[in-house]
Amino acid sequence: MPVSLTCPSCGNVINQMTRSPQMLVCPACNSTHLLNSGRLEDVGKSAILTDFPSIFELHHTFRHKDWKFTPVGRVRYDYGDGWWDEWFVRSDNGKESWVSVDEGEIAIEALVQKGVKVPSFDELKVGGSLIINRIKMKVIEKNSCTMVGAEGELPFKIAPNETYNYVDLLGPKRLSFTIEYQNDAIDCYKGVWIDPFDITRA
């Protein structure tokens, strides 16, 4: 059952959909809140995400082959020459993952739970290669990005205008791997690029 929380800014009731969100954006007043000990703490306004055509919508269920999922949060990042959306999604079995949408290209990724040793951001070069779990991956992008807006609920704390470095890698059979460098933390996400036409509304 969803947990009901009250927005401290406008009094709107927000239904918590995932197990342990750390950040929620009120759909009524667009205030960004951190969730601490079951209470919401207002940290300011999130940028309103301009409506661009997208096949995804919050709280609607979609299907990719045999996988059914529901987007419960979205965060948008600007990387200088454009932007992309990261949709935080929940599967029917409760598993949480990410669906990345960049100029119509879609990747499904999940946080790597076990420690993966990766080089520092400065060591990696576009066009270079990296062996991850005995699989040869090619560095296809190295850049920094800025969070420009969010909605719904997210499993981490990040503020508007916060920046971090990232590296995207591509492997055989459209295997994807993303490394995010945030201060002293390094997060790795493993996934695969898929055909957008394989996505349907459930």
C-alpha atoms as a PDB file:
ATOM      1  CA  MET A   1       0.000   0.000   0.000  1.00  0.00           C
ATOM      2  CA  PRO A   2       1.313   3.501  -0.808  1.00  0.00           C
ATOM      3  CA  VAL A   3       2.349   5.667   2.139  1.00  0.00           C
ATOM      4  CA  SER A   4       0.607   9.046   2.293  1.00  0.00           C
ATOM      5  CA  LEU A   5       2.800  12.075   3.007  1.00  0.00           C
ATOM      6  CA  THR A   6       1.802  15.720   3.355  1.00  0.00           C
ATOM      7  CA  CYS A   7       3.614  18.424   1.399  1.00  0.00           C
ATOM      8  CA  PRO A   8       4.924  20.983   3.949  1.00  0.00           C
ATOM      9  CA  SER A   9       4.650  23.750   1.347  1.00  0.00           C
ATOM     10  CA  CYS A  10       1.042  23.427   0.160  1.00  0.00           C
ATOM     11  CA  GLY A  11      -0.586  20.623   2.177  1.00  0.00           C
ATOM     12  CA  ASN A  12      -1.083  18.365  -0.839  1.00  0.00           C
ATOM     13  CA  VAL A  13      -1.137  14.626  -0.119  1.00  0.00           C
ATOM     14  CA  ILE A  14       1.721  12.763  -1.854  1.00  0.00           C
ATOM     15  CA  ASN A  15       1.487   8.987  -2.141  1.00  0.00           C
ATOM     16  CA  GLN A  16       4.882   7.331  -1.694  1.00  0.00           C
ATOM     17  CA  MET A  17       5.132   4.514  -4.268  1.00  0.00           C
ATOM     18  CA  THR A  18       8.633   3.058  -3.813  1.00  0.00           C
ATOM     19  CA  ARG A  19      10.342   1.388  -0.869  1.00  0.00           C
ATOM     20  CA  SER A  20      12.772   4.041   0.296  1.00  0.00           C
ATOM     21  CA  PRO A  21      12.729   7.281  -1.707  1.00  0.00           C
ATOM     22  CA  GLN A  22      15.077  10.013  -0.557  1.00  0.00           C
ATOM     23  CA  MET A  23      13.621  12.850  -2.622  1.00  0.00           C
ATOM     24  CA  LEU A  24      10.072  13.689  -3.718  1.00  0.00           C
ATOM     25  CA  VAL A  25       8.663  16.538  -5.813  1.00  0.00           C
ATOM     26  CA  CYS A  26       5.143  17.676  -5.001  1.00  0.00           C
ATOM     27  CA  PRO A  27       2.990  17.463  -8.169  1.00  0.00           C
ATOM     28  CA  ALA A  28       0.792  20.325  -6.931  1.00  0.00           C
ATOM     29  CA  CYS A  29       3.321  23.072  -6.085  1.00  0.00           C
ATOM     30  CA  ASN A  30       6.530  21.620  -7.606  1.00  0.00           C
ATOM     31  CA  SER A  31       8.425  21.907  -4.316  1.00  0.00           C
ATOM     32  CA  THR A  32      11.364  19.556  -3.838  1.00  0.00           C
ATOM     33  CA  HIS A  33      11.476  17.657  -0.546  1.00  0.00           C
ATOM     34  CA  LEU A  34      13.924  15.345   1.186  1.00  0.00           C
ATOM     35  CA  LEU A  35      12.423  12.452   3.123  1.00  0.00           C
ATOM     36  CA  ASN A  36      13.924  12.117   6.602  1.00  0.00           C
ATOM     37  CA  SER A  37      12.474   9.788   9.278  1.00  0.00           C
ATOM     38  CA  GLY A  38       9.116   9.675   7.517  1.00  0.00           C
ATOM     39  CA  ARG A  39       8.793  13.465   7.228  1.00  0.00           C
ATOM     40  CA  LEU A  40       9.252  15.743   4.231  1.00  0.00           C
ATOM     41  CA  GLU A  41      11.692  18.659   4.422  1.00  0.00           C
ATOM     42  CA  ASP A  42      11.297  21.432   1.858  1.00  0.00           C
ATOM     43  CA  VAL A  43      14.531  22.274  -0.013  1.00  0.00           C
ATOM     44  CA  GLY A  44      13.096  24.623  -2.648  1.00  0.00           C
ATOM     45  CA  LYS A  45      11.475  24.548  -6.034  1.00  0.00           C
ATOM     46  CA  SER A  46      12.309  22.112  -8.814  1.00  0.00           C
ATOM     47  CA  ALA A  47      12.354  23.446 -12.354  1.00  0.00           C
ATOM     48  CA  ILE A  48       9.120  22.701 -14.170  1.00  0.00           C
ATOM     49  CA  LEU A  49       9.922  20.175 -16.895  1.00  0.00           C
ATOM     50  CA  THR A  50       8.821  21.494 -20.254  1.00  0.00           C
ATOM     51  CA  ASP A  51       6.503  19.037 -21.912  1.00  0.00           C
ATOM     52  CA  PHE A  52       8.284  17.439 -24.848  1.00  0.00           C
ATOM     53  CA  PRO A  53       6.739  14.458 -26.633  1.00  0.00           C
ATOM     54  CA  SER A  54       7.552  11.273 -24.710  1.00  0.00           C
ATOM     55  CA  ILE A  55       6.169   7.776 -24.743  1.00  0.00           C
ATOM     56  CA  PHE A  56       6.439   7.672 -20.942  1.00  0.00           C
ATOM     57  CA  GLU A  57       4.192   9.214 -18.296  1.00  0.00           C
ATOM     58  CA  LEU A  58       4.376   9.083 -14.524  1.00  0.00           C
ATOM     59  CA  HIS A  59       2.168   6.435 -12.885  1.00  0.00           C
ATOM     60  CA  HIS A  60       1.178   4.798 -16.179  1.00  0.00           C
ATOM     61  CA  THR A  61       2.227   1.197 -16.815  1.00  0.00           C
ATOM     62  CA  PHE A  62       4.303   0.219 -19.855  1.00  0.00           C
ATOM     63  CA  ARG A  63       5.644  -3.012 -21.272  1.00  0.00           C
ATOM     64  CA  HIS A  64       8.913  -4.051 -22.890  1.00  0.00           C
ATOM     65  CA  LYS A  65       8.438  -7.612 -24.113  1.00  0.00           C
ATOM     66  CA  ASP A  66       7.616  -9.589 -20.915  1.00  0.00           C
ATOM     67  CA  TRP A  67       8.631  -6.768 -18.543  1.00  0.00           C
ATOM     68  CA  LYS A  68       5.957  -4.448 -17.129  1.00  0.00           C
ATOM     69  CA  PHE A  69       7.025  -1.263 -15.361  1.00  0.00           C
ATOM     70  CA  THR A  70       5.608   2.010 -14.081  1.00  0.00           C
ATOM     71  CA  PRO A  71       7.556   5.308 -14.050  1.00  0.00           C
ATOM     72  CA  VAL A  72       7.362   6.885 -10.577  1.00  0.00           C
ATOM     73  CA  GLY A  73       9.972   9.627 -10.961  1.00  0.00           C
ATOM     74  CA  ARG A  74      11.923  11.556 -13.549  1.00  0.00           C
ATOM     75  CA  VAL A  75      15.044  13.683 -13.470  1.00  0.00           C
ATOM     76  CA  ARG A  76      16.370  15.764 -16.361  1.00  0.00           C
ATOM     77  CA  TYR A  77      20.040  16.457 -16.990  1.00  0.00           C
ATOM     78  CA  ASP A  78      21.576  19.106 -19.248  1.00  0.00           C
ATOM     79  CA  TYR A  79      24.945  18.224 -20.790  1.00  0.00           C
ATOM     80  CA  GLY A  80      25.620  21.419 -22.741  1.00  0.00           C
ATOM     81  CA  ASP A  81      24.553  20.355 -26.216  1.00  0.00           C
ATOM     82  CA  GLY A  82      21.174  19.043 -25.091  1.00  0.00           C
ATOM     83  CA  TRP A  83      19.435  17.142 -22.318  1.00  0.00           C
ATOM     84  CA  TRP A  84      18.181  13.679 -21.454  1.00  0.00           C
ATOM     85  CA  ASP A  85      15.595  12.236 -19.080  1.00  0.00           C
ATOM     86  CA  GLU A  86      16.118   9.469 -16.543  1.00  0.00           C
ATOM     87  CA  TRP A  87      12.886   7.726 -15.555  1.00  0.00           C
ATOM     88  CA  PHE A  88      12.918   5.922 -12.200  1.00  0.00           C
ATOM     89  CA  VAL A  89      10.647   2.904 -12.718  1.00  0.00           C
ATOM     90  CA  ARG A  90       9.103   0.182 -10.578  1.00  0.00           C
ATOM     91  CA  SER A  91       8.411  -3.312 -11.901  1.00  0.00           C
ATOM     92  CA  ASP A  92       5.370  -5.361 -10.967  1.00  0.00           C
ATOM     93  CA  ASN A  93       7.579  -7.459  -8.674  1.00  0.00           C
ATOM     94  CA  GLY A  94       8.792  -4.351  -6.832  1.00  0.00           C
ATOM     95  CA  LYS A  95      12.232  -4.208  -8.479  1.00  0.00           C
ATOM     96  CA  GLU A  96      13.424  -0.670  -9.225  1.00  0.00           C
ATOM     97  CA  SER A  97      15.536   0.409 -12.189  1.00  0.00           C
ATOM     98  CA  TRP A  98      16.040   3.237 -14.678  1.00  0.00           C
ATOM     99  CA  VAL A  99      14.948   3.981 -18.219  1.00  0.00           C
ATOM    100  CA  SER A 100      17.107   6.583 -19.968  1.00  0.00           C
ATOM    101  CA  VAL A 101      15.715   8.566 -22.915  1.00  0.00           C
ATOM    102  CA  ASP A 102      18.126  10.642 -24.997  1.00  0.00           C
ATOM    103  CA  GLU A 103      16.958  12.014 -28.354  1.00  0.00           C
ATOM    104  CA  GLY A 104      14.666   9.038 -28.878  1.00  0.00           C
ATOM    105  CA  GLU A 105      17.273   6.461 -27.860  1.00  0.00           C
ATOM    106  CA  ILE A 106      16.243   4.318 -24.897  1.00  0.00           C
ATOM    107  CA  ALA A 107      18.356   2.309 -22.463  1.00  0.00           C
ATOM    108  CA  ILE A 108      17.235   0.192 -19.510  1.00  0.00           C
ATOM    109  CA  GLU A 109      19.758   0.281 -16.656  1.00  0.00           C
ATOM    110  CA  ALA A 110      20.045  -0.814 -13.041  1.00  0.00           C
ATOM    111  CA  LEU A 111      22.525   0.093 -10.339  1.00  0.00           C
ATOM    112  CA  VAL A 112      25.330  -2.453 -10.048  1.00  0.00           C
ATOM    113  CA  GLN A 113      25.045  -3.825  -6.520  1.00  0.00           C
ATOM    114  CA  LYS A 114      28.513  -5.333  -6.187  1.00  0.00           C
ATOM    115  CA  GLY A 115      31.633  -3.191  -6.227  1.00  0.00           C
ATOM    116  CA  VAL A 116      33.093  -2.637  -9.690  1.00  0.00           C
ATOM    117  CA  LYS A 117      36.599  -1.240  -9.904  1.00  0.00           C
ATOM    118  CA  VAL A 118      36.766   1.505 -12.522  1.00  0.00           C
ATOM    119  CA  PRO A 119      39.391   4.117 -13.410  1.00  0.00           C
ATOM    120  CA  SER A 120      39.092   7.725 -12.321  1.00  0.00           C
ATOM    121  CA  PHE A 121      37.213  10.155 -14.561  1.00  0.00           C
ATOM    122  CA  ASP A 122      40.448  11.770 -15.776  1.00  0.00           C
ATOM    123  CA  GLU A 123      41.955   8.414 -16.797  1.00  0.00           C
ATOM    124  CA  LEU A 124      39.214   7.528 -19.289  1.00  0.00           C
ATOM    125  CA  LYS A 125      39.267   8.839 -22.865  1.00  0.00           C
ATOM    126  CA  VAL A 126      36.572   8.810 -25.559  1.00  0.00           C
ATOM    127  CA  GLY A 127      37.377   6.022 -27.995  1.00  0.00           C
ATOM    128  CA  GLY A 128      39.328   4.098 -25.387  1.00  0.00           C
ATOM    129  CA  SER A 129      38.353   0.702 -24.055  1.00  0.00           C
ATOM    130  CA  LEU A 130      37.714  -0.758 -20.633  1.00  0.00           C
ATOM    131  CA  ILE A 131      37.293  -4.367 -19.507  1.00  0.00           C
ATOM    132  CA  ILE A 132      34.336  -4.767 -17.148  1.00  0.00           C
ATOM    133  CA  ASN A 133      33.478  -8.247 -15.876  1.00  0.00           C
ATOM    134  CA  ARG A 134      35.616  -9.697 -18.694  1.00  0.00           C
ATOM    135  CA  ILE A 135      33.610  -7.780 -21.314  1.00  0.00           C
ATOM    136  CA  LYS A 136      35.358  -5.206 -23.507  1.00  0.00           C
ATOM    137  CA  MET A 137      33.521  -1.892 -23.447  1.00  0.00           C
ATOM    138  CA  LYS A 138      34.228   1.213 -25.534  1.00  0.00           C
ATOM    139  CA  VAL A 139      34.039   4.729 -24.111  1.00  0.00           C
ATOM    140  CA  ILE A 140      31.530   6.585 -26.313  1.00  0.00           C
ATOM    141  CA  GLU A 141      30.935   9.699 -24.210  1.00  0.00           C
ATOM    142  CA  LYS A 142      32.671  11.587 -21.402  1.00  0.00           C
ATOM    143  CA  ASN A 143      31.086  14.753 -20.071  1.00  0.00           C
ATOM    144  CA  SER A 144      29.585  16.621 -17.156  1.00  0.00           C
ATOM    145  CA  CYS A 145      25.896  17.324 -16.630  1.00  0.00           C
ATOM    146  CA  THR A 146      23.624  19.479 -14.505  1.00  0.00           C
ATOM    147  CA  MET A 147      20.323  18.470 -12.951  1.00  0.00           C
ATOM    148  CA  VAL A 148      17.761  20.960 -14.260  1.00  0.00           C
ATOM    149  CA  GLY A 149      14.472  19.490 -13.070  1.00  0.00           C
ATOM    150  CA  ALA A 150      12.725  16.564 -11.436  1.00  0.00           C
ATOM    151  CA  GLU A 151       9.284  15.174 -10.663  1.00  0.00           C
ATOM    152  CA  GLY A 152       7.833  12.270  -8.726  1.00  0.00           C
ATOM    153  CA  GLU A 153      10.059  10.356  -6.312  1.00  0.00           C
ATOM    154  CA  LEU A 154      13.727   9.463  -6.587  1.00  0.00           C
ATOM    155  CA  PRO A 155      16.056   7.111  -4.667  1.00  0.00           C
ATOM    156  CA  PHE A 156      18.791   9.716  -4.115  1.00  0.00           C
ATOM    157  CA  LYS A 157      19.246  13.290  -2.969  1.00  0.00           C
ATOM    158  CA  ILE A 158      20.151  15.787  -5.646  1.00  0.00           C
ATOM    159  CA  ALA A 159      19.399  19.503  -5.884  1.00  0.00           C
ATOM    160  CA  PRO A 160      18.600  21.598  -8.965  1.00  0.00           C
ATOM    161  CA  ASN A 161      21.777  22.915 -10.616  1.00  0.00           C
ATOM    162  CA  GLU A 162      23.899  20.195  -8.981  1.00  0.00           C
ATOM    163  CA  THR A 163      26.508  18.801 -11.378  1.00  0.00           C
ATOM    164  CA  TYR A 164      28.509  15.596 -11.775  1.00  0.00           C
ATOM    165  CA  ASN A 165      30.799  13.877 -14.277  1.00  0.00           C
ATOM    166  CA  TYR A 166      29.820  10.763 -16.196  1.00  0.00           C
ATOM    167  CA  VAL A 167      31.199   8.283 -18.710  1.00  0.00           C
ATOM    168  CA  ASP A 168      29.075   6.183 -21.076  1.00  0.00           C
ATOM    169  CA  LEU A 169      30.383   2.891 -22.461  1.00  0.00           C
ATOM    170  CA  LEU A 170      29.042   0.568 -25.145  1.00  0.00           C
ATOM    171  CA  GLY A 171      29.642  -3.157 -25.438  1.00  0.00           C
ATOM    172  CA  PRO A 172      28.577  -6.063 -27.658  1.00  0.00           C
ATOM    173  CA  LYS A 173      24.857  -6.630 -28.316  1.00  0.00           C
ATOM    174  CA  ARG A 174      24.120  -2.987 -27.349  1.00  0.00           C
ATOM    175  CA  LEU A 175      25.251  -3.571 -23.774  1.00  0.00           C
ATOM    176  CA  SER A 176      25.507  -0.254 -21.911  1.00  0.00           C
ATOM    177  CA  PHE A 177      27.483   0.809 -18.869  1.00  0.00           C
ATOM    178  CA  THR A 178      27.425   4.224 -17.219  1.00  0.00           C
ATOM    179  CA  ILE A 179      29.847   5.480 -14.578  1.00  0.00           C
ATOM    180  CA  GLU A 180      28.803   8.489 -12.501  1.00  0.00           C
ATOM    181  CA  TYR A 181      31.379  10.445 -10.517  1.00  0.00           C
ATOM    182  CA  GLN A 182      29.800  12.547  -7.738  1.00  0.00           C
ATOM    183  CA  ASN A 183      32.254  14.065  -5.263  1.00  0.00           C
ATOM    184  CA  ASP A 184      33.917  11.015  -3.642  1.00  0.00           C
ATOM    185  CA  ALA A 185      31.192   8.562  -4.733  1.00  0.00           C
ATOM    186  CA  ILE A 186      31.228   6.466  -7.906  1.00  0.00           C
ATOM    187  CA  ASP A 187      28.037   4.751  -9.079  1.00  0.00           C
ATOM    188  CA  CYS A 188      27.916   2.229 -11.919  1.00  0.00           C
ATOM    189  CA  TYR A 189      24.835   1.318 -13.934  1.00  0.00           C
ATOM    190  CA  LYS A 190      24.615  -1.670 -16.257  1.00  0.00           C
ATOM    191  CA  GLY A 191      21.976  -2.125 -18.921  1.00  0.00           C
ATOM    192  CA  VAL A 192      21.146  -2.416 -22.590  1.00  0.00           C
ATOM    193  CA  TRP A 193      19.977  -0.131 -25.393  1.00  0.00           C
ATOM    194  CA  ILE A 194      16.604  -1.214 -26.750  1.00  0.00           C
ATOM    195  CA  ASP A 195      14.373  -0.536 -29.732  1.00  0.00           C
ATOM    196  CA  PRO A 196      11.860   2.217 -28.778  1.00  0.00           C
ATOM    197  CA  PHE A 197       9.245   0.438 -30.909  1.00  0.00           C
ATOM    198  CA  ASP A 198       9.359  -2.467 -28.451  1.00  0.00           C
ATOM    199  CA  ILE A 199       7.807  -0.214 -25.790  1.00  0.00           C
ATOM    200  CA  THR A 200       4.004  -0.364 -25.497  1.00  0.00           C
ATOM    201  CA  ARG A 201       1.469   0.927 -23.013  1.00  0.00           C
ATOM    202  CA  ALA A 202       0.259  -1.967 -20.861  1.00  0.00           C
END
